[in-house]
Amino acid sequence: MINILYEDNHLLVVEKPINMLVQGDSTKDLDLLTILKQYLKEKYHKPGNVYLGLVHRLDRVVGGIMVFAKTSKAANRLSKQVKDHKIQKIYYAVVCGKLMHNGRLENMLEKNEKTNTSFVSDKGKLAILNYEVIAIENNYSLVKIDLETGRHHQIRVQFSSIGFPLFGDHKYNKNFQKDEQIALFAKELSFFHPITNEKLSFSLNLPNRYPYTLFNKN
């Protein structure tokens, strides 16, 4: 069952499980959007198709908070907030290495459609994030990330490009181990309600698994 964090007539805020698609693709694997539409259909006894607007995305391997729109008006207004950078998305990641300072990363990122990866390129689109080092344990750093743009694999590519790849990242960490799960989590989400304009903020605890458990005492 999907963890529902908030629901009203206009919005649905949920915790996306790790290793689940947000939207269906050629794999035909069950996706979050389909599950949530079925949830709404059953809960409200809706006949026919159920509308649920996809406002933003998370990579399949990444878990955390997402907001969906239950009406087209809410979807349009939330999409505008995304475009205007009024939706604040805070991620927590564990990177390999001792990252000794806070910072801001600005790169031009280009996507390779054939390999479904991104890379730093002068021909790419601007990608910006700010980060704060929360703690360092062993040879890992827990980092809080404020994402200003939403480029493909942005966090993963940008940290890898400065020599601090994410733990368990099979695409951008050359020391990735097959049984590792990527340590990237969409922990906090803030935005303005598309109808009332009230600011809504949501937060989740970090997953209770390695390597996050290294930092529990912090």
Protein backbone atom coordinates (compact mmCIF):
# COMPACT_ATOMS: atom_id res chain seq x y z
CA MET A 1 0.00 0.00 0.00
CA ILE A 2 1.25 3.48 -0.89
CA ASN A 3 1.87 5.84 2.03
CA ILE A 4 -0.59 8.75 1.59
CA LEU A 5 0.74 11.87 3.31
CA TYR A 6 -2.04 14.31 2.35
CA GLU A 7 -5.21 14.33 0.30
CA ASP A 8 -7.96 16.82 -0.47
CA ASN A 9 -10.19 17.53 -3.47
CA HIS A 10 -7.28 18.95 -5.46
CA LEU A 11 -4.10 17.20 -4.33
CA LEU A 12 -2.58 13.87 -3.48
CA VAL A 13 0.80 13.83 -1.71
CA VAL A 14 2.42 10.42 -1.35
CA GLU A 15 5.65 8.59 -0.61
CA LYS A 16 6.98 6.98 -3.77
CA PRO A 17 8.56 3.60 -3.01
CA ILE A 18 12.10 2.94 -4.25
CA ASN A 19 12.48 0.94 -7.47
CA MET A 20 9.00 1.83 -8.68
CA LEU A 21 8.31 3.70 -11.91
CA VAL A 22 6.40 6.96 -11.60
CA GLN A 23 4.74 6.39 -14.97
CA GLY A 24 4.48 3.27 -17.11
CA ASP A 25 7.10 2.53 -19.76
CA SER A 26 8.09 -0.25 -22.15
CA THR A 27 8.92 -2.60 -19.26
CA LYS A 28 5.19 -2.83 -18.43
CA ASP A 29 6.12 -2.85 -14.73
CA LEU A 30 3.47 -1.58 -12.33
CA ASP A 31 3.86 2.17 -11.84
CA LEU A 32 2.87 4.67 -9.15
CA LEU A 33 0.46 6.65 -11.34
CA THR A 34 -1.55 3.54 -12.19
CA ILE A 35 -1.66 2.44 -8.54
CA LEU A 36 -2.88 5.86 -7.38
CA LYS A 37 -5.55 6.07 -10.09
CA GLN A 38 -6.85 2.69 -8.99
CA TYR A 39 -6.80 3.87 -5.36
CA LEU A 40 -8.93 6.92 -6.27
CA LYS A 41 -11.26 4.85 -8.43
CA GLU A 42 -11.96 2.42 -5.60
CA LYS A 43 -12.12 5.00 -2.81
CA TYR A 44 -14.59 7.28 -4.56
CA HIS A 45 -16.35 4.61 -6.66
CA LYS A 46 -15.51 6.48 -9.85
CA PRO A 47 -16.66 4.98 -13.16
CA GLY A 48 -14.39 5.10 -16.18
CA ASN A 49 -10.97 6.71 -16.23
CA VAL A 50 -9.66 8.68 -13.25
CA TYR A 51 -7.76 11.93 -13.78
CA LEU A 52 -4.47 12.35 -11.92
CA GLY A 53 -1.98 14.92 -13.12
CA LEU A 54 1.75 14.21 -13.06
CA VAL A 55 3.50 17.40 -11.94
CA HIS A 56 7.09 16.22 -11.39
CA ARG A 57 9.08 13.01 -11.44
CA LEU A 58 11.54 10.90 -9.49
CA ASP A 59 13.94 8.37 -10.95
CA ARG A 60 12.78 4.79 -10.62
CA VAL A 61 15.51 3.97 -8.08
CA VAL A 62 14.73 7.02 -5.91
CA GLY A 63 12.07 7.09 -3.19
CA GLY A 64 10.45 10.01 -1.41
CA ILE A 65 7.72 12.65 -1.51
CA MET A 66 5.70 13.45 -4.62
CA VAL A 67 2.62 15.59 -5.25
CA PHE A 68 -0.03 14.72 -7.83
CA ALA A 69 -2.94 16.88 -9.01
CA LYS A 70 -6.50 15.57 -8.87
CA THR A 71 -7.86 18.25 -11.23
CA SER A 72 -6.55 19.84 -14.42
CA LYS A 73 -6.70 23.29 -12.81
CA ALA A 74 -4.50 22.11 -9.94
CA ALA A 75 -2.13 20.43 -12.39
CA ASN A 76 -1.70 23.61 -14.45
CA ARG A 77 -1.06 25.76 -11.38
CA LEU A 78 1.38 23.30 -9.82
CA SER A 79 3.21 22.93 -13.14
CA LYS A 80 3.59 26.71 -13.23
CA GLN A 81 5.08 26.61 -9.72
CA VAL A 82 7.59 24.03 -10.96
CA LYS A 83 8.47 26.24 -13.93
CA ASP A 84 8.79 29.33 -11.69
CA HIS A 85 10.92 27.43 -9.12
CA LYS A 86 8.31 27.93 -6.40
CA ILE A 87 8.21 24.25 -5.47
CA GLN A 88 11.06 23.46 -3.09
CA LYS A 89 12.44 19.94 -3.36
CA ILE A 90 14.92 18.85 -0.70
CA TYR A 91 16.84 15.62 -1.19
CA TYR A 92 19.23 13.79 1.12
CA ALA A 93 22.04 11.76 -0.40
CA VAL A 94 25.00 9.78 0.85
CA VAL A 95 28.03 10.46 -1.31
CA CYS A 96 31.30 8.54 -1.36
CA GLY A 97 34.17 10.50 0.14
CA LYS A 98 34.60 13.18 2.80
CA LEU A 99 32.94 16.31 1.46
CA MET A 100 34.36 19.02 3.70
CA HIS A 101 32.36 22.10 2.71
CA ASN A 102 28.91 23.30 1.66
CA GLY A 103 28.51 24.53 -1.88
CA ARG A 104 26.60 25.27 -5.05
CA LEU A 105 26.93 23.29 -8.28
CA GLU A 106 26.19 24.79 -11.68
CA ASN A 107 26.69 22.71 -14.81
CA MET A 108 25.35 22.38 -18.32
CA LEU A 109 23.92 18.86 -18.61
CA GLU A 110 23.09 16.99 -21.79
CA LYS A 111 21.05 13.78 -21.99
CA ASN A 112 22.05 10.76 -24.03
CA GLU A 113 18.73 9.25 -25.08
CA LYS A 114 20.28 5.96 -26.22
CA THR A 115 21.92 5.17 -22.87
CA ASN A 116 19.42 7.08 -20.68
CA THR A 117 22.28 8.92 -18.99
CA SER A 118 23.32 12.56 -18.72
CA PHE A 119 26.72 14.22 -18.82
CA VAL A 120 28.34 17.63 -18.45
CA SER A 121 28.36 19.38 -21.83
CA ASP A 122 28.49 22.92 -23.19
CA LYS A 123 25.54 21.95 -25.38
CA GLY A 124 23.38 20.99 -22.39
CA LYS A 125 20.81 22.74 -20.20
CA LEU A 126 21.67 24.66 -17.06
CA ALA A 127 21.51 22.58 -13.87
CA ILE A 128 21.78 24.19 -10.44
CA LEU A 129 21.71 22.79 -6.92
CA ASN A 130 22.86 23.93 -3.48
CA TYR A 131 24.10 21.48 -0.87
CA GLU A 132 24.90 21.34 2.83
CA VAL A 133 27.05 18.67 4.43
CA ILE A 134 25.10 17.30 7.40
CA ALA A 135 27.58 14.72 8.69
CA ILE A 136 30.61 12.62 7.76
CA GLU A 137 31.05 9.00 8.85
CA ASN A 138 33.80 6.64 7.73
CA ASN A 139 34.39 7.68 4.13
CA TYR A 140 30.81 8.80 3.44
CA SER A 141 29.08 12.19 3.64
CA LEU A 142 25.39 12.82 4.27
CA VAL A 143 24.36 15.77 2.13
CA LYS A 144 21.20 17.91 2.12
CA ILE A 145 20.41 19.11 -1.41
CA ASP A 146 18.17 22.00 -2.46
CA LEU A 147 17.38 21.40 -6.11
CA GLU A 148 16.83 24.58 -8.15
CA THR A 149 16.40 22.85 -11.51
CA GLY A 150 15.11 19.40 -12.38
CA ARG A 151 17.38 17.97 -15.05
CA HIS A 152 17.64 14.28 -15.89
CA HIS A 153 19.77 12.50 -13.24
CA GLN A 154 20.95 15.94 -12.14
CA ILE A 155 22.03 15.21 -8.56
CA ARG A 156 23.73 11.98 -9.56
CA VAL A 157 25.68 13.54 -12.45
CA GLN A 158 26.69 16.72 -10.67
CA PHE A 159 28.11 15.03 -7.58
CA SER A 160 29.87 12.42 -9.70
CA SER A 161 31.41 15.23 -11.77
CA ILE A 162 33.15 16.68 -8.68
CA GLY A 163 34.47 13.30 -7.54
CA PHE A 164 31.79 12.46 -4.94
CA PRO A 165 29.47 9.93 -6.60
CA LEU A 166 26.38 8.74 -4.77
CA PHE A 167 26.55 5.50 -2.81
CA GLY A 168 25.00 2.67 -4.83
CA ASP A 169 24.65 4.62 -8.08
CA HIS A 170 25.05 2.00 -10.82
CA LYS A 171 25.21 4.60 -13.61
CA TYR A 172 27.61 7.21 -12.30
CA ASN A 173 29.65 5.49 -9.56
CA LYS A 174 32.40 3.27 -10.99
CA ASN A 175 32.77 1.53 -7.60
CA PHE A 176 29.11 0.53 -7.47
CA GLN A 177 28.40 -2.89 -5.95
CA LYS A 178 25.62 -4.96 -7.50
CA ASP A 179 23.64 -5.42 -4.28
CA GLU A 180 23.70 -1.74 -3.28
CA GLN A 181 20.64 0.54 -3.40
CA ILE A 182 21.26 4.14 -4.37
CA ALA A 183 21.30 6.49 -1.36
CA LEU A 184 19.15 9.33 -2.69
CA PHE A 185 15.84 10.25 -1.08
CA ALA A 186 13.31 13.04 -1.73
CA LYS A 187 12.91 13.92 1.94
CA GLU A 188 11.08 17.29 1.92
CA LEU A 189 8.62 19.02 -0.40
CA SER A 190 7.08 22.49 -0.09
CA PHE A 191 4.68 24.28 -2.42
CA PHE A 192 1.64 26.56 -2.47
CA HIS A 193 -1.79 25.00 -2.59
CA PRO A 194 -3.06 25.58 -6.13
CA ILE A 195 -6.49 26.76 -4.94
CA THR A 196 -6.08 28.29 -1.46
CA ASN A 197 -2.46 29.47 -1.98
CA GLU A 198 -1.61 28.15 1.50
CA LYS A 199 1.98 26.99 1.83
CA LEU A 200 2.17 23.24 2.39
CA SER A 201 5.30 21.49 3.62
CA PHE A 202 5.93 17.76 3.99
CA SER A 203 8.83 15.76 5.38
CA LEU A 204 9.74 12.10 5.81
CA ASN A 205 12.29 10.30 7.93
CA LEU A 206 15.27 8.89 6.08
CA PRO A 207 14.99 5.19 5.19
CA ASN A 208 16.09 2.81 7.94
CA ARG A 209 18.75 1.08 5.88
CA TYR A 210 22.44 1.28 5.12
CA PRO A 211 24.16 3.70 4.53
CA TYR A 212 21.65 6.13 6.10
CA THR A 213 21.94 4.18 9.37
CA LEU A 214 25.56 5.32 9.63
CA PHE A 215 24.23 8.76 10.49
CA ASN A 216 21.44 7.85 12.91
CA LYS A 217 23.38 9.19 15.87
CA ASN A 218 23.51 12.56 14.18
